[in-house]
């Protein structure tokens, strides 16, 4: 069996009806996992799940808002009811309701960012990790951002939350490592998703990245999916508490 095989594994991916989350769901299904496609929009999730099934994979759709603990509990319960277990949890869904300096950051927007990008990830982790511990096997992946590695003039709150996700992964890796559970982050750079559209549709920013990143391009969703497969599979069995940066090299150039 390939070290990258996910045969027999059940993977729940939040925010997987589009963008990076969809890529992760598709790549994990191609590696043999049974995947749960989840976001607030059930119809969009159903479309992705049907696409995966049409390609020969196994997938179901379950809607949930990451801001609602009851809905997340229902997501976990629904997955267990259908497939009996959860082996891989990918916390990909996130919010960024504000663009601008933190001096004008509304309290409501800051609370939403912290809630959806950090607290909800811990909620899900605490719902799922005990089950993994009973089997002494499991993987939790948090999709962070290179924003968590540097400052930003206009995305400060988002960057704070993404830095916190990296520390959350380290803490959970220490707590749950003795149960053979691996917890890691992926930190993408700018990726061509709807979530980041305001950034990559900015011609000046796009030109800057294309001129300064060693790979001379921004990312595509499919640049991220395979990394998640690595972290969830036997190939990543000795990797925990880490943040894998996937940014075309932009952070090493100071861009």
Protein backbone atom coordinates (compact mmCIF):
# COMPACT_ATOMS: atom_id res chain seq x y z
CA UNK A 1 0.00 0.00 0.00
CA UNK A 2 1.22 3.48 -0.82
CA UNK A 3 2.48 5.57 2.08
CA UNK A 4 0.07 8.23 0.85
CA UNK A 5 -2.98 5.95 0.87
CA UNK A 6 -6.00 6.94 2.93
CA UNK A 7 -7.93 3.74 2.24
CA UNK A 8 -10.39 3.01 5.03
CA UNK A 9 -10.05 6.47 6.57
CA UNK A 10 -12.93 8.88 7.17
CA UNK A 11 -12.09 12.55 6.73
CA UNK A 12 -14.19 15.57 7.70
CA UNK A 13 -13.23 18.81 5.95
CA UNK A 14 -14.88 22.09 6.94
CA UNK A 15 -15.30 24.82 4.35
CA UNK A 16 -14.95 22.24 1.58
CA UNK A 17 -17.62 23.35 -0.88
CA UNK A 18 -15.05 25.46 -2.76
CA UNK A 19 -11.44 26.60 -2.90
CA UNK A 20 -8.75 25.01 -0.77
CA UNK A 21 -11.24 22.94 1.21
CA UNK A 22 -12.69 21.43 -1.95
CA UNK A 23 -9.20 20.60 -3.20
CA UNK A 24 -8.43 18.84 0.07
CA UNK A 25 -11.67 16.86 -0.09
CA UNK A 26 -11.01 15.83 -3.70
CA UNK A 27 -7.40 14.85 -3.06
CA UNK A 28 -8.29 12.85 0.05
CA UNK A 29 -11.07 11.04 -1.80
CA UNK A 30 -8.66 10.24 -4.63
CA UNK A 31 -6.30 8.79 -2.01
CA UNK A 32 -9.08 6.46 -0.84
CA UNK A 33 -10.69 8.34 2.04
CA UNK A 34 -14.40 8.56 2.67
CA UNK A 35 -14.89 12.32 2.88
CA UNK A 36 -17.48 14.58 4.45
CA UNK A 37 -17.93 17.80 2.49
CA UNK A 38 -19.14 20.53 4.82
CA UNK A 39 -19.94 24.24 4.75
CA UNK A 40 -22.97 26.40 5.50
CA UNK A 41 -24.36 25.85 1.99
CA UNK A 42 -25.72 22.31 1.74
CA UNK A 43 -26.50 22.54 -1.99
CA UNK A 44 -22.91 23.53 -2.75
CA UNK A 45 -21.64 20.68 -0.57
CA UNK A 46 -23.93 18.21 -2.33
CA UNK A 47 -22.54 19.32 -5.69
CA UNK A 48 -18.96 18.68 -4.58
CA UNK A 49 -19.86 15.33 -3.02
CA UNK A 50 -21.63 14.27 -6.22
CA UNK A 51 -18.59 15.30 -8.27
CA UNK A 52 -16.35 13.19 -6.05
CA UNK A 53 -18.69 10.22 -6.33
CA UNK A 54 -18.82 10.58 -10.12
CA UNK A 55 -15.03 10.30 -10.13
CA UNK A 56 -15.23 7.05 -8.20
CA UNK A 57 -14.72 8.40 -4.70
CA UNK A 58 -16.88 8.18 -1.60
CA UNK A 59 -18.38 11.36 -0.20
CA UNK A 60 -21.36 12.75 1.65
CA UNK A 61 -22.46 16.32 2.31
CA UNK A 62 -23.32 17.69 5.75
CA UNK A 63 -23.94 21.38 6.31
CA UNK A 64 -22.67 23.21 9.39
CA UNK A 65 -21.75 26.73 10.39
CA UNK A 66 -18.45 26.82 12.25
CA UNK A 67 -19.82 29.62 14.42
CA UNK A 68 -22.52 27.34 15.89
CA UNK A 69 -21.34 24.68 18.34
CA UNK A 70 -24.58 22.75 18.07
CA UNK A 71 -24.22 22.50 14.32
CA UNK A 72 -20.63 21.29 14.67
CA UNK A 73 -21.78 18.64 17.13
CA UNK A 74 -24.37 17.59 14.57
CA UNK A 75 -21.65 17.42 11.89
CA UNK A 76 -19.59 15.09 14.03
CA UNK A 77 -22.61 12.98 15.01
CA UNK A 78 -23.81 12.81 11.41
CA UNK A 79 -20.42 11.59 10.23
CA UNK A 80 -20.30 8.90 12.89
CA UNK A 81 -23.87 7.84 12.11
CA UNK A 82 -23.01 7.41 8.42
CA UNK A 83 -19.47 6.03 8.57
CA UNK A 84 -18.97 5.09 12.20
CA UNK A 85 -15.78 7.02 12.88
CA UNK A 86 -13.60 10.04 12.11
CA UNK A 87 -9.92 9.45 11.35
CA UNK A 88 -8.96 12.82 9.86
CA UNK A 89 -10.27 16.26 10.73
CA UNK A 90 -9.40 19.25 8.55
CA UNK A 91 -10.31 22.65 10.00
CA UNK A 92 -10.29 24.75 6.86
CA UNK A 93 -13.30 27.08 7.17
CA UNK A 94 -12.49 30.61 8.32
CA UNK A 95 -13.81 34.17 8.31
CA UNK A 96 -12.37 37.55 7.48
CA UNK A 97 -15.11 40.19 7.69
CA UNK A 98 -12.82 43.23 7.92
CA UNK A 99 -10.10 44.76 5.74
CA UNK A 100 -8.26 47.73 7.15
CA UNK A 101 -6.12 48.89 10.07
CA UNK A 102 -6.76 47.40 13.49
CA UNK A 103 -7.24 50.89 14.90
CA UNK A 104 -10.66 50.92 13.22
CA UNK A 105 -11.43 47.23 13.75
CA UNK A 106 -15.01 46.85 15.07
CA UNK A 107 -15.30 44.67 18.16
CA UNK A 108 -17.94 42.55 16.47
CA UNK A 109 -15.65 41.80 13.51
CA UNK A 110 -12.71 40.94 15.78
CA UNK A 111 -14.85 38.62 17.89
CA UNK A 112 -16.11 36.87 14.75
CA UNK A 113 -12.57 36.30 13.47
CA UNK A 114 -11.38 34.90 16.80
CA UNK A 115 -14.49 32.75 17.21
CA UNK A 116 -14.55 31.24 13.73
CA UNK A 117 -10.82 30.95 13.12
CA UNK A 118 -9.64 29.75 16.54
CA UNK A 119 -12.37 28.83 19.02
CA UNK A 120 -14.36 26.77 16.53
CA UNK A 121 -11.23 24.78 15.65
CA UNK A 122 -10.76 23.93 19.32
CA UNK A 123 -14.41 22.99 19.62
CA UNK A 124 -14.06 20.51 16.76
CA UNK A 125 -10.76 19.18 18.05
CA UNK A 126 -12.24 18.46 21.46
CA UNK A 127 -15.22 16.73 19.85
CA UNK A 128 -13.11 14.43 17.68
CA UNK A 129 -9.69 13.84 19.26
CA UNK A 130 -10.91 11.63 22.16
CA UNK A 131 -12.30 9.15 19.62
CA UNK A 132 -8.98 9.11 17.77
CA UNK A 133 -7.18 8.57 21.08
CA UNK A 134 -9.22 5.44 21.74
CA UNK A 135 -7.88 3.96 18.48
CA UNK A 136 -4.43 5.47 19.03
CA UNK A 137 -4.44 6.93 15.55
CA UNK A 138 -5.61 10.14 13.94
CA UNK A 139 -4.69 13.39 12.24
CA UNK A 140 -5.89 16.95 12.71
CA UNK A 141 -4.97 19.54 10.11
CA UNK A 142 -5.63 23.25 10.51
CA UNK A 143 -5.44 25.46 7.44
CA UNK A 144 -3.64 28.58 8.64
CA UNK A 145 -1.94 31.22 6.47
CA UNK A 146 1.42 32.87 5.95
CA UNK A 147 -0.39 35.88 7.41
CA UNK A 148 0.30 34.25 10.75
CA UNK A 149 4.04 34.58 10.15
CA UNK A 150 4.25 38.31 9.48
CA UNK A 151 2.49 41.59 10.12
CA UNK A 152 -0.11 43.18 7.89
CA UNK A 153 -1.39 46.72 7.51
CA UNK A 154 -4.90 45.66 6.53
CA UNK A 155 -5.39 42.03 7.60
CA UNK A 156 -4.22 42.29 11.20
CA UNK A 157 -7.11 40.51 12.90
CA UNK A 158 -7.01 37.66 10.39
CA UNK A 159 -3.24 37.33 10.83
CA UNK A 160 -3.59 37.24 14.61
CA UNK A 161 -6.05 34.37 14.29
CA UNK A 162 -3.83 32.45 11.90
CA UNK A 163 -0.81 32.81 14.18
CA UNK A 164 -2.98 31.50 17.00
CA UNK A 165 -3.91 28.48 14.87
CA UNK A 166 -0.24 27.58 14.58
CA UNK A 167 0.12 27.70 18.35
CA UNK A 168 -3.12 25.76 18.77
CA UNK A 169 -1.64 23.01 16.60
CA UNK A 170 1.55 22.95 18.68
CA UNK A 171 -0.38 22.75 21.95
CA UNK A 172 -2.70 20.02 20.71
CA UNK A 173 0.25 18.10 19.28
CA UNK A 174 1.86 18.04 22.73
CA UNK A 175 -1.36 17.07 24.51
CA UNK A 176 -2.47 14.35 22.11
CA UNK A 177 0.83 13.08 20.75
CA UNK A 178 1.08 10.35 23.43
CA UNK A 179 -2.11 8.92 21.88
CA UNK A 180 -0.45 8.79 18.42
CA UNK A 181 -2.45 11.75 17.11
CA UNK A 182 -0.68 14.18 14.80
CA UNK A 183 -1.69 17.83 14.66
CA UNK A 184 -0.29 20.18 12.03
CA UNK A 185 -0.98 23.37 10.10
CA UNK A 186 -0.77 24.26 6.45
CA UNK A 187 0.05 27.92 5.81
CA UNK A 188 -0.80 28.84 2.23
CA UNK A 189 0.28 32.05 0.60
CA UNK A 190 -2.06 33.84 -1.76
CA UNK A 191 -4.23 31.23 -3.49
CA UNK A 192 -6.72 31.85 -6.29
CA UNK A 193 -9.91 31.27 -4.28
CA UNK A 194 -13.14 33.21 -3.86
CA UNK A 195 -12.12 33.85 -0.24
CA UNK A 196 -9.00 35.72 -1.38
CA UNK A 197 -10.48 37.25 -4.52
CA UNK A 198 -10.04 40.84 -3.29
CA UNK A 199 -6.31 40.20 -3.04
CA UNK A 200 -5.51 38.38 -6.27
CA UNK A 201 -7.79 40.64 -8.27
CA UNK A 202 -5.63 43.57 -7.10
CA UNK A 203 -3.36 44.03 -10.13
CA UNK A 204 -0.56 45.70 -8.17
CA UNK A 205 -0.44 42.96 -5.54
CA UNK A 206 -0.67 40.21 -8.14
CA UNK A 207 2.14 41.77 -10.18
CA UNK A 208 4.29 42.12 -7.06
CA UNK A 209 3.91 38.45 -6.14
CA UNK A 210 4.47 37.28 -9.70
CA UNK A 211 7.63 39.37 -9.85
CA UNK A 212 9.10 38.50 -6.46
CA UNK A 213 7.99 34.97 -5.53
CA UNK A 214 10.61 32.42 -6.59
CA UNK A 215 7.94 30.42 -8.44
CA UNK A 216 6.64 33.64 -10.08
CA UNK A 217 2.99 32.88 -9.49
CA UNK A 218 0.26 32.74 -6.89
CA UNK A 219 -1.15 29.44 -5.73
CA UNK A 220 -4.03 27.37 -7.02
CA UNK A 221 -6.29 25.31 -4.73
CA UNK A 222 -4.80 22.08 -6.04
CA UNK A 223 -1.39 23.20 -4.77
CA UNK A 224 -2.68 22.59 -1.24
CA UNK A 225 -4.74 19.39 -1.41
CA UNK A 226 -1.77 17.05 -1.74
CA UNK A 227 -0.09 18.53 1.33
CA UNK A 228 -3.13 17.62 3.39
CA UNK A 229 -2.99 14.05 2.06
CA UNK A 230 0.65 13.83 3.13
CA UNK A 231 -0.13 15.06 6.64
CA UNK A 232 -3.10 12.69 7.00
CA UNK A 233 -1.36 9.58 5.65
CA UNK A 234 1.36 7.22 6.80
CA UNK A 235 3.82 9.34 4.82
CA UNK A 236 3.40 12.05 7.48
CA UNK A 237 3.41 9.69 10.45
CA UNK A 238 6.40 11.37 12.15
CA UNK A 239 5.31 14.96 11.54
CA UNK A 240 3.43 16.79 14.28
CA UNK A 241 3.18 20.29 15.71
CA UNK A 242 4.48 21.77 12.46
CA UNK A 243 3.38 24.45 10.01
CA UNK A 244 4.03 23.62 6.38
CA UNK A 245 4.32 26.81 4.35
CA UNK A 246 3.07 26.59 0.76
CA UNK A 247 3.49 30.04 -0.76
CA UNK A 248 5.62 29.76 -3.88
CA UNK A 249 8.53 31.04 -1.79
CA UNK A 250 7.17 34.55 -1.20
CA UNK A 251 8.06 34.57 2.51
CA UNK A 252 11.72 33.74 1.88
CA UNK A 253 12.07 36.77 -0.38
CA UNK A 254 10.53 39.17 2.17
CA UNK A 255 7.68 39.88 -0.25
